[in-house]
Amino acid sequence: MKFNSLDEVRSDIDRIDDEIIKLIAERTACVKQASSFKKSEDGVKAPNRVEAVIQKVREKSLEYGANPDMVESLYREMISKFINMEMNEFKKN
């Protein structure tokens, strides 16, 4: 993709941010529902699942040309926040 101005770059970044936020909202809905299927706090934390997701996103980042270390860092932070949210949902059930 070739841009002709900084305004074009920023406009595309804004479009991408909008898509990312929509996908985070969709992921949030899934995480909230997942808590109802889990039987314990350990199930919510699911460290083996976390590591499987990290491995998958690192592989995908290479496939798509993204920096795998940056993607891993972002995902670890996001997963941490989702686990906290899911734990709160789990405790309500």
PDB file of N, CA and C in Angstrom:
ATOM      1  N   MET A   1       0.847  -1.163   0.000  1.00  0.00           N
ATOM      2  CA  MET A   1       0.000   0.000   0.000  1.00  0.00           C
ATOM      3  C   MET A   1       0.898   1.233   0.000  1.00  0.00           C
ATOM      4  N   LYS A   2       0.610   2.138  -0.885  1.00  0.00           N
ATOM      5  CA  LYS A   2       1.394   3.361  -1.017  1.00  0.00           C
ATOM      6  C   LYS A   2       0.499   4.548  -0.706  1.00  0.00           C
ATOM      7  N   PHE A   3       0.943   5.375   0.216  1.00  0.00           N
ATOM      8  CA  PHE A   3       0.190   6.575   0.587  1.00  0.00           C
ATOM      9  C   PHE A   3       0.834   7.801  -0.048  1.00  0.00           C
ATOM     10  N   ASN A   4       0.025   8.811  -0.253  1.00  0.00           N
ATOM     11  CA  ASN A   4       0.506  10.048  -0.854  1.00  0.00           C
ATOM     12  C   ASN A   4       0.660  11.174   0.151  1.00  0.00           C
ATOM     13  N   SER A   5       0.186  10.938   1.397  1.00  0.00           N
ATOM     14  CA  SER A   5       0.295  11.992   2.403  1.00  0.00           C
ATOM     15  C   SER A   5       0.169  11.403   3.803  1.00  0.00           C
ATOM     16  N   LEU A   6       0.599  12.155   4.772  1.00  0.00           N
ATOM     17  CA  LEU A   6       0.450  11.746   6.171  1.00  0.00           C
ATOM     18  C   LEU A   6      -1.024  11.637   6.535  1.00  0.00           C
ATOM     19  N   ASP A   7      -1.849  12.513   5.989  1.00  0.00           N
ATOM     20  CA  ASP A   7      -3.287  12.449   6.267  1.00  0.00           C
ATOM     21  C   ASP A   7      -3.877  11.113   5.797  1.00  0.00           C
ATOM     22  N   GLU A   8      -3.434  10.615   4.644  1.00  0.00           N
ATOM     23  CA  GLU A   8      -3.904   9.318   4.162  1.00  0.00           C
ATOM     24  C   GLU A   8      -3.466   8.194   5.098  1.00  0.00           C
ATOM     25  N   VAL A   9      -2.227   8.262   5.560  1.00  0.00           N
ATOM     26  CA  VAL A   9      -1.727   7.251   6.498  1.00  0.00           C
ATOM     27  C   VAL A   9      -2.561   7.270   7.766  1.00  0.00           C
ATOM     28  N   ARG A  10      -2.786   8.453   8.292  1.00  0.00           N
ATOM     29  CA  ARG A  10      -3.559   8.573   9.536  1.00  0.00           C
ATOM     30  C   ARG A  10      -4.991   8.109   9.357  1.00  0.00           C
ATOM     31  N   SER A  11      -5.560   8.398   8.226  1.00  0.00           N
ATOM     32  CA  SER A  11      -6.927   7.950   7.957  1.00  0.00           C
ATOM     33  C   SER A  11      -6.996   6.429   7.931  1.00  0.00           C
ATOM     34  N   ASP A  12      -6.004   5.800   7.328  1.00  0.00           N
ATOM     35  CA  ASP A  12      -5.993   4.342   7.282  1.00  0.00           C
ATOM     36  C   ASP A  12      -5.753   3.755   8.670  1.00  0.00           C
ATOM     37  N   ILE A  13      -4.891   4.381   9.450  1.00  0.00           N
ATOM     38  CA  ILE A  13      -4.674   3.928  10.830  1.00  0.00           C
ATOM     39  C   ILE A  13      -5.975   4.031  11.621  1.00  0.00           C
ATOM     40  N   ASP A  14      -6.714   5.118  11.443  1.00  0.00           N
ATOM     41  CA  ASP A  14      -8.001   5.267  12.130  1.00  0.00           C
ATOM     42  C   ASP A  14      -8.970   4.158  11.728  1.00  0.00           C
ATOM     43  N   ARG A  15      -8.987   3.807  10.447  1.00  0.00           N
ATOM     44  CA  ARG A  15      -9.853   2.736   9.961  1.00  0.00           C
ATOM     45  C   ARG A  15      -9.452   1.401  10.594  1.00  0.00           C
ATOM     46  N   ILE A  16      -8.158   1.152  10.647  1.00  0.00           N
ATOM     47  CA  ILE A  16      -7.662  -0.085  11.248  1.00  0.00           C
ATOM     48  C   ILE A  16      -7.998  -0.130  12.736  1.00  0.00           C
ATOM     49  N   ASP A  17      -7.809   0.989  13.439  1.00  0.00           N
ATOM     50  CA  ASP A  17      -8.145   1.045  14.867  1.00  0.00           C
ATOM     51  C   ASP A  17      -9.614   0.728  15.096  1.00  0.00           C
ATOM     52  N   ASP A  18     -10.469   1.239  14.231  1.00  0.00           N
ATOM     53  CA  ASP A  18     -11.897   0.965  14.355  1.00  0.00           C
ATOM     54  C   ASP A  18     -12.170  -0.537  14.236  1.00  0.00           C
ATOM     55  N   GLU A  19     -11.517  -1.190  13.282  1.00  0.00           N
ATOM     56  CA  GLU A  19     -11.682  -2.640  13.112  1.00  0.00           C
ATOM     57  C   GLU A  19     -11.153  -3.404  14.324  1.00  0.00           C
ATOM     58  N   ILE A  20     -10.006  -2.994  14.837  1.00  0.00           N
ATOM     59  CA  ILE A  20      -9.427  -3.656  16.011  1.00  0.00           C
ATOM     60  C   ILE A  20     -10.379  -3.557  17.201  1.00  0.00           C
ATOM     61  N   ILE A  21     -10.937  -2.385  17.419  1.00  0.00           N
ATOM     62  CA  ILE A  21     -11.848  -2.183  18.558  1.00  0.00           C
ATOM     63  C   ILE A  21     -13.100  -3.049  18.411  1.00  0.00           C
ATOM     64  N   LYS A  22     -13.637  -3.139  17.212  1.00  0.00           N
ATOM     65  CA  LYS A  22     -14.804  -4.008  16.982  1.00  0.00           C
ATOM     66  C   LYS A  22     -14.457  -5.460  17.313  1.00  0.00           C
ATOM     67  N   LEU A  23     -13.280  -5.899  16.904  1.00  0.00           N
ATOM     68  CA  LEU A  23     -12.870  -7.285  17.167  1.00  0.00           C
ATOM     69  C   LEU A  23     -12.617  -7.517  18.660  1.00  0.00           C
ATOM     70  N   ILE A  24     -12.094  -6.527  19.351  1.00  0.00           N
ATOM     71  CA  ILE A  24     -11.909  -6.655  20.804  1.00  0.00           C
ATOM     72  C   ILE A  24     -13.266  -6.782  21.481  1.00  0.00           C
ATOM     73  N   ALA A  25     -14.236  -6.001  21.030  1.00  0.00           N
ATOM     74  CA  ALA A  25     -15.588  -6.101  21.600  1.00  0.00           C
ATOM     75  C   ALA A  25     -16.179  -7.487  21.344  1.00  0.00           C
ATOM     76  N   GLU A  26     -15.950  -8.031  20.163  1.00  0.00           N
ATOM     77  CA  GLU A  26     -16.443  -9.371  19.828  1.00  0.00           C
ATOM     78  C   GLU A  26     -15.750 -10.419  20.702  1.00  0.00           C
ATOM     79  N   ARG A  27     -14.449 -10.258  20.897  1.00  0.00           N
ATOM     80  CA  ARG A  27     -13.690 -11.196  21.747  1.00  0.00           C
ATOM     81  C   ARG A  27     -14.184 -11.101  23.195  1.00  0.00           C
ATOM     82  N   THR A  28     -14.510  -9.903  23.631  1.00  0.00           N
ATOM     83  CA  THR A  28     -15.019  -9.687  24.989  1.00  0.00           C
ATOM     84  C   THR A  28     -16.303 -10.484  25.213  1.00  0.00           C
ATOM     85  N   ALA A  29     -17.202 -10.439  24.253  1.00  0.00           N
ATOM     86  CA  ALA A  29     -18.460 -11.181  24.378  1.00  0.00           C
ATOM     87  C   ALA A  29     -18.199 -12.682  24.489  1.00  0.00           C
ATOM     88  N   CYS A  30     -17.242 -13.169  23.727  1.00  0.00           N
ATOM     89  CA  CYS A  30     -16.893 -14.598  23.793  1.00  0.00           C
ATOM     90  C   CYS A  30     -16.317 -14.959  25.157  1.00  0.00           C
ATOM     91  N   VAL A  31     -15.419 -14.130  25.654  1.00  0.00           N
ATOM     92  CA  VAL A  31     -14.778 -14.395  26.948  1.00  0.00           C
ATOM     93  C   VAL A  31     -15.807 -14.414  28.066  1.00  0.00           C
ATOM     94  N   LYS A  32     -16.746 -13.483  28.023  1.00  0.00           N
ATOM     95  CA  LYS A  32     -17.776 -13.445  29.067  1.00  0.00           C
ATOM     96  C   LYS A  32     -18.585 -14.739  29.073  1.00  0.00           C
ATOM     97  N   GLN A  33     -18.886 -15.255  27.901  1.00  0.00           N
ATOM     98  CA  GLN A  33     -19.652 -16.498  27.834  1.00  0.00           C
ATOM     99  C   GLN A  33     -18.806 -17.704  28.236  1.00  0.00           C
ATOM    100  N   ALA A  34     -17.521 -17.657  27.937  1.00  0.00           N
ATOM    101  CA  ALA A  34     -16.646 -18.786  28.253  1.00  0.00           C
ATOM    102  C   ALA A  34     -16.633 -19.092  29.747  1.00  0.00           C
ATOM    103  N   SER A  35     -16.741 -18.059  30.565  1.00  0.00           N
ATOM    104  CA  SER A  35     -16.675 -18.268  32.016  1.00  0.00           C
ATOM    105  C   SER A  35     -17.785 -19.192  32.511  1.00  0.00           C
ATOM    106  N   SER A  36     -18.926 -19.201  31.823  1.00  0.00           N
ATOM    107  CA  SER A  36     -20.034 -20.045  32.267  1.00  0.00           C
ATOM    108  C   SER A  36     -19.756 -21.529  32.030  1.00  0.00           C
ATOM    109  N   PHE A  37     -18.791 -21.858  31.205  1.00  0.00           N
ATOM    110  CA  PHE A  37     -18.456 -23.250  30.917  1.00  0.00           C
ATOM    111  C   PHE A  37     -17.314 -23.777  31.781  1.00  0.00           C
ATOM    112  N   LYS A  38     -16.712 -22.900  32.545  1.00  0.00           N
ATOM    113  CA  LYS A  38     -15.536 -23.304  33.320  1.00  0.00           C
ATOM    114  C   LYS A  38     -15.940 -23.677  34.736  1.00  0.00           C
ATOM    115  N   LYS A  39     -15.212 -24.647  35.288  1.00  0.00           N
ATOM    116  CA  LYS A  39     -15.604 -25.236  36.569  1.00  0.00           C
ATOM    117  C   LYS A  39     -14.784 -24.725  37.758  1.00  0.00           C
ATOM    118  N   SER A  40     -13.667 -24.019  37.482  1.00  0.00           N
ATOM    119  CA  SER A  40     -12.818 -23.559  38.577  1.00  0.00           C
ATOM    120  C   SER A  40     -12.046 -22.322  38.150  1.00  0.00           C
ATOM    121  N   GLU A  41     -11.448 -21.660  39.138  1.00  0.00           N
ATOM    122  CA  GLU A  41     -10.605 -20.505  38.842  1.00  0.00           C
ATOM    123  C   GLU A  41      -9.389 -20.920  38.018  1.00  0.00           C
ATOM    124  N   ASP A  42      -8.878 -22.128  38.262  1.00  0.00           N
ATOM    125  CA  ASP A  42      -7.761 -22.621  37.448  1.00  0.00           C
ATOM    126  C   ASP A  42      -8.185 -22.771  35.992  1.00  0.00           C
ATOM    127  N   GLY A  43      -9.417 -23.169  35.786  1.00  0.00           N
ATOM    128  CA  GLY A  43      -9.939 -23.271  34.424  1.00  0.00           C
ATOM    129  C   GLY A  43     -10.024 -21.923  33.743  1.00  0.00           C
ATOM    130  N   VAL A  44     -10.317 -20.903  34.516  1.00  0.00           N
ATOM    131  CA  VAL A  44     -10.361 -19.544  33.983  1.00  0.00           C
ATOM    132  C   VAL A  44      -8.952 -19.095  33.601  1.00  0.00           C
ATOM    133  N   LYS A  45      -8.007 -19.348  34.469  1.00  0.00           N
ATOM    134  CA  LYS A  45      -6.624 -18.908  34.208  1.00  0.00           C
ATOM    135  C   LYS A  45      -5.993 -19.694  33.065  1.00  0.00           C
ATOM    136  N   ALA A  46      -6.253 -20.967  32.975  1.00  0.00           N
ATOM    137  CA  ALA A  46      -5.865 -21.861  31.876  1.00  0.00           C
ATOM    138  C   ALA A  46      -4.488 -21.552  31.277  1.00  0.00           C
ATOM    139  N   PRO A  47      -3.419 -21.714  32.069  1.00  0.00           N
ATOM    140  CA  PRO A  47      -2.088 -21.352  31.559  1.00  0.00           C
ATOM    141  C   PRO A  47      -1.667 -22.121  30.312  1.00  0.00           C
ATOM    142  N   ASN A  48      -2.084 -23.371  30.183  1.00  0.00           N
ATOM    143  CA  ASN A  48      -1.739 -24.121  28.969  1.00  0.00           C
ATOM    144  C   ASN A  48      -2.416 -23.529  27.736  1.00  0.00           C
ATOM    145  N   ARG A  49      -3.658 -23.103  27.906  1.00  0.00           N
ATOM    146  CA  ARG A  49      -4.383 -22.462  26.808  1.00  0.00           C
ATOM    147  C   ARG A  49      -3.726 -21.129  26.446  1.00  0.00           C
ATOM    148  N   VAL A  50      -3.324 -20.372  27.462  1.00  0.00           N
ATOM    149  CA  VAL A  50      -2.653 -19.094  27.202  1.00  0.00           C
ATOM    150  C   VAL A  50      -1.413 -19.320  26.338  1.00  0.00           C
ATOM    151  N   GLU A  51      -0.595 -20.288  26.715  1.00  0.00           N
ATOM    152  CA  GLU A  51       0.633 -20.538  25.962  1.00  0.00           C
ATOM    153  C   GLU A  51       0.343 -21.040  24.553  1.00  0.00           C
ATOM    154  N   ALA A  52      -0.729 -21.814  24.393  1.00  0.00           N
ATOM    155  CA  ALA A  52      -1.117 -22.269  23.055  1.00  0.00           C
ATOM    156  C   ALA A  52      -1.530 -21.083  22.178  1.00  0.00           C
ATOM    157  N   VAL A  53      -2.281 -20.154  22.764  1.00  0.00           N
ATOM    158  CA  VAL A  53      -2.691 -18.957  22.026  1.00  0.00           C
ATOM    159  C   VAL A  53      -1.459 -18.136  21.649  1.00  0.00           C
ATOM    160  N   ILE A  54      -0.540 -17.977  22.586  1.00  0.00           N
ATOM    161  CA  ILE A  54       0.674 -17.201  22.311  1.00  0.00           C
ATOM    162  C   ILE A  54       1.459 -17.833  21.167  1.00  0.00           C
ATOM    163  N   GLN A  55       1.611 -19.136  21.202  1.00  0.00           N
ATOM    164  CA  GLN A  55       2.327 -19.823  20.126  1.00  0.00           C
ATOM    165  C   GLN A  55       1.634 -19.589  18.787  1.00  0.00           C
ATOM    166  N   LYS A  56       0.308 -19.692  18.788  1.00  0.00           N
ATOM    167  CA  LYS A  56      -0.462 -19.510  17.557  1.00  0.00           C
ATOM    168  C   LYS A  56      -0.305 -18.097  17.011  1.00  0.00           C
ATOM    169  N   VAL A  57      -0.396 -17.081  17.880  1.00  0.00           N
ATOM    170  CA  VAL A  57      -0.313 -15.708  17.381  1.00  0.00           C
ATOM    171  C   VAL A  57       1.110 -15.357  16.943  1.00  0.00           C
ATOM    172  N   ARG A  58       2.100 -15.974  17.562  1.00  0.00           N
ATOM    173  CA  ARG A  58       3.480 -15.759  17.096  1.00  0.00           C
ATOM    174  C   ARG A  58       3.636 -16.318  15.678  1.00  0.00           C
ATOM    175  N   GLU A  59       3.093 -17.493  15.440  1.00  0.00           N
ATOM    176  CA  GLU A  59       3.163 -18.092  14.107  1.00  0.00           C
ATOM    177  C   GLU A  59       2.404 -17.246  13.083  1.00  0.00           C
ATOM    178  N   LYS A  60       1.214 -16.798  13.463  1.00  0.00           N
ATOM    179  CA  LYS A  60       0.417 -15.958  12.568  1.00  0.00           C
ATOM    180  C   LYS A  60       1.129 -14.631  12.283  1.00  0.00           C
ATOM    181  N   SER A  61       1.800 -14.086  13.289  1.00  0.00           N
ATOM    182  CA  SER A  61       2.488 -12.814  13.081  1.00  0.00           C
ATOM    183  C   SER A  61       3.575 -12.960  12.010  1.00  0.00           C
ATOM    184  N   LEU A  62       4.276 -14.073  12.032  1.00  0.00           N
ATOM    185  CA  LEU A  62       5.291 -14.326  11.002  1.00  0.00           C
ATOM    186  C   LEU A  62       4.642 -14.476   9.635  1.00  0.00           C
ATOM    187  N   GLU A  63       3.516 -15.167   9.596  1.00  0.00           N
ATOM    188  CA  GLU A  63       2.788 -15.370   8.344  1.00  0.00           C
ATOM    189  C   GLU A  63       2.351 -14.042   7.735  1.00  0.00           C
ATOM    190  N   TYR A  64       1.911 -13.101   8.598  1.00  0.00           N
ATOM    191  CA  TYR A  64       1.383 -11.820   8.122  1.00  0.00           C
ATOM    192  C   TYR A  64       2.429 -10.711   8.064  1.00  0.00           C
ATOM    193  N   GLY A  65       3.652 -10.991   8.502  1.00  0.00           N
ATOM    194  CA  GLY A  65       4.706  -9.981   8.435  1.00  0.00           C
ATOM    195  C   GLY A  65       4.734  -9.017   9.608  1.00  0.00           C
ATOM    196  N   ALA A  66       4.178  -9.436  10.742  1.00  0.00           N
ATOM    197  CA  ALA A  66       4.206  -8.610  11.956  1.00  0.00           C
ATOM    198  C   ALA A  66       5.356  -9.067  12.847  1.00  0.00           C
ATOM    199  N   ASN A  67       5.768  -8.227  13.734  1.00  0.00           N
ATOM    200  CA  ASN A  67       6.842  -8.545  14.673  1.00  0.00           C
ATOM    201  C   ASN A  67       6.292  -9.501  15.741  1.00  0.00           C
ATOM    202  N   PRO A  68       6.790 -10.752  15.800  1.00  0.00           N
ATOM    203  CA  PRO A  68       6.230 -11.731  16.741  1.00  0.00           C
ATOM    204  C   PRO A  68       6.428 -11.343  18.202  1.00  0.00           C
ATOM    205  N   ASP A  69       7.520 -10.656  18.530  1.00  0.00           N
ATOM    206  CA  ASP A  69       7.726 -10.236  19.918  1.00  0.00           C
ATOM    207  C   ASP A  69       6.711  -9.172  20.326  1.00  0.00           C
ATOM    208  N   MET A  70       6.429  -8.236  19.420  1.00  0.00           N
ATOM    209  CA  MET A  70       5.439  -7.207  19.713  1.00  0.00           C
ATOM    210  C   MET A  70       4.049  -7.827  19.838  1.00  0.00           C
ATOM    211  N   VAL A  71       3.722  -8.728  18.917  1.00  0.00           N
ATOM    212  CA  VAL A  71       2.412  -9.385  18.953  1.00  0.00           C
ATOM    213  C   VAL A  71       2.265 -10.173  20.251  1.00  0.00           C
ATOM    214  N   GLU A  72       3.302 -10.906  20.631  1.00  0.00           N
ATOM    215  CA  GLU A  72       3.239 -11.659  21.883  1.00  0.00           C
ATOM    216  C   GLU A  72       3.008 -10.732  23.070  1.00  0.00           C
ATOM    217  N   SER A  73       3.749  -9.641  23.122  1.00  0.00           N
ATOM    218  CA  SER A  73       3.596  -8.697  24.229  1.00  0.00           C
ATOM    219  C   SER A  73       2.178  -8.133  24.293  1.00  0.00           C
ATOM    220  N   LEU A  74       1.644  -7.737  23.155  1.00  0.00           N
ATOM    221  CA  LEU A  74       0.274  -7.220  23.109  1.00  0.00           C
ATOM    222  C   LEU A  74      -0.731  -8.272  23.558  1.00  0.00           C
ATOM    223  N   TYR A  75      -0.566  -9.481  23.083  1.00  0.00           N
ATOM    224  CA  TYR A  75      -1.489 -10.554  23.435  1.00  0.00           C
ATOM    225  C   TYR A  75      -1.396 -10.928  24.908  1.00  0.00           C
ATOM    226  N   ARG A  76      -0.190 -10.959  25.442  1.00  0.00           N
ATOM    227  CA  ARG A  76      -0.067 -11.283  26.870  1.00  0.00           C
ATOM    228  C   ARG A  76      -0.789 -10.236  27.720  1.00  0.00           C
ATOM    229  N   GLU A  77      -0.661  -8.977  27.354  1.00  0.00           N
ATOM    230  CA  GLU A  77      -1.363  -7.926  28.094  1.00  0.00           C
ATOM    231  C   GLU A  77      -2.866  -8.060  27.919  1.00  0.00           C
ATOM    232  N   MET A  78      -3.306  -8.282  26.686  1.00  0.00           N
ATOM    233  CA  MET A  78      -4.734  -8.417  26.422  1.00  0.00           C
ATOM    234  C   MET A  78      -5.310  -9.628  27.153  1.00  0.00           C
ATOM    235  N   ILE A  79      -4.610 -10.749  27.077  1.00  0.00           N
ATOM    236  CA  ILE A  79      -5.089 -11.965  27.745  1.00  0.00           C
ATOM    237  C   ILE A  79      -5.174 -11.757  29.247  1.00  0.00           C
ATOM    238  N   SER A  80      -4.195 -11.077  29.811  1.00  0.00           N
ATOM    239  CA  SER A  80      -4.214 -10.792  31.247  1.00  0.00           C
ATOM    240  C   SER A  80      -5.472 -10.010  31.630  1.00  0.00           C
ATOM    241  N   LYS A  81      -5.801  -9.006  30.842  1.00  0.00           N
ATOM    242  CA  LYS A  81      -7.006  -8.204  31.110  1.00  0.00           C
ATOM    243  C   LYS A  81      -8.266  -9.048  30.935  1.00  0.00           C
ATOM    244  N   PHE A  82      -8.286  -9.897  29.908  1.00  0.00           N
ATOM    245  CA  PHE A  82      -9.444 -10.752  29.699  1.00  0.00           C
ATOM    246  C   PHE A  82      -9.588 -11.785  30.820  1.00  0.00           C
ATOM    247  N   ILE A  83      -8.494 -12.325  31.302  1.00  0.00           N
ATOM    248  CA  ILE A  83      -8.573 -13.277  32.418  1.00  0.00           C
ATOM    249  C   ILE A  83      -9.155 -12.593  33.649  1.00  0.00           C
ATOM    250  N   ASN A  84      -8.720 -11.375  33.933  1.00  0.00           N
ATOM    251  CA  ASN A  84      -9.278 -10.631  35.074  1.00  0.00           C
ATOM    252  C   ASN A  84     -10.780 -10.418  34.889  1.00  0.00           C
ATOM    253  N   MET A  85     -11.184 -10.042  33.687  1.00  0.00           N
ATOM    254  CA  MET A  85     -12.605  -9.834  33.422  1.00  0.00           C
ATOM    255  C   MET A  85     -13.372 -11.150  33.549  1.00  0.00           C
ATOM    256  N   GLU A  86     -12.815 -12.216  32.990  1.00  0.00           N
ATOM    257  CA  GLU A  86     -13.472 -13.515  33.042  1.00  0.00           C
ATOM    258  C   GLU A  86     -13.567 -14.030  34.475  1.00  0.00           C
ATOM    259  N   MET A  87     -12.544 -13.770  35.278  1.00  0.00           N
ATOM    260  CA  MET A  87     -12.570 -14.183  36.680  1.00  0.00           C
ATOM    261  C   MET A  87     -13.726 -13.489  37.405  1.00  0.00           C
ATOM    262  N   ASN A  88     -13.925 -12.220  37.114  1.00  0.00           N
ATOM    263  CA  ASN A  88     -15.053 -11.503  37.721  1.00  0.00           C
ATOM    264  C   ASN A  88     -16.382 -12.115  37.280  1.00  0.00           C
ATOM    265  N   GLU A  89     -16.501 -12.465  36.007  1.00  0.00           N
ATOM    266  CA  GLU A  89     -17.712 -13.120  35.516  1.00  0.00           C
ATOM    267  C   GLU A  89     -17.893 -14.484  36.177  1.00  0.00           C
ATOM    268  N   PHE A  90     -16.820 -15.246  36.292  1.00  0.00           N
ATOM    269  CA  PHE A  90     -16.869 -16.573  36.886  1.00  0.00           C
ATOM    270  C   PHE A  90     -17.371 -16.506  38.327  1.00  0.00           C
ATOM    271  N   LYS A  91     -16.885 -15.535  39.067  1.00  0.00           N
ATOM    272  CA  LYS A  91     -17.272 -15.403  40.476  1.00  0.00           C
ATOM    273  C   LYS A  91     -18.743 -15.018  40.637  1.00  0.00           C
ATOM    274  N   LYS A  92     -19.329 -14.420  39.606  1.00  0.00           N
ATOM    275  CA  LYS A  92     -20.755 -14.079  39.645  1.00  0.00           C
ATOM    276  C   LYS A  92     -21.631 -15.318  39.480  1.00  0.00           C
ATOM    277  N   ASN A  93     -21.115 -16.325  38.773  1.00  0.00           N
ATOM    278  CA  ASN A  93     -21.908 -17.528  38.464  1.00  0.00           C
ATOM    279  C   ASN A  93     -22.028 -18.454  39.649  1.00  0.00           C
TER     280      ASN A  93
END
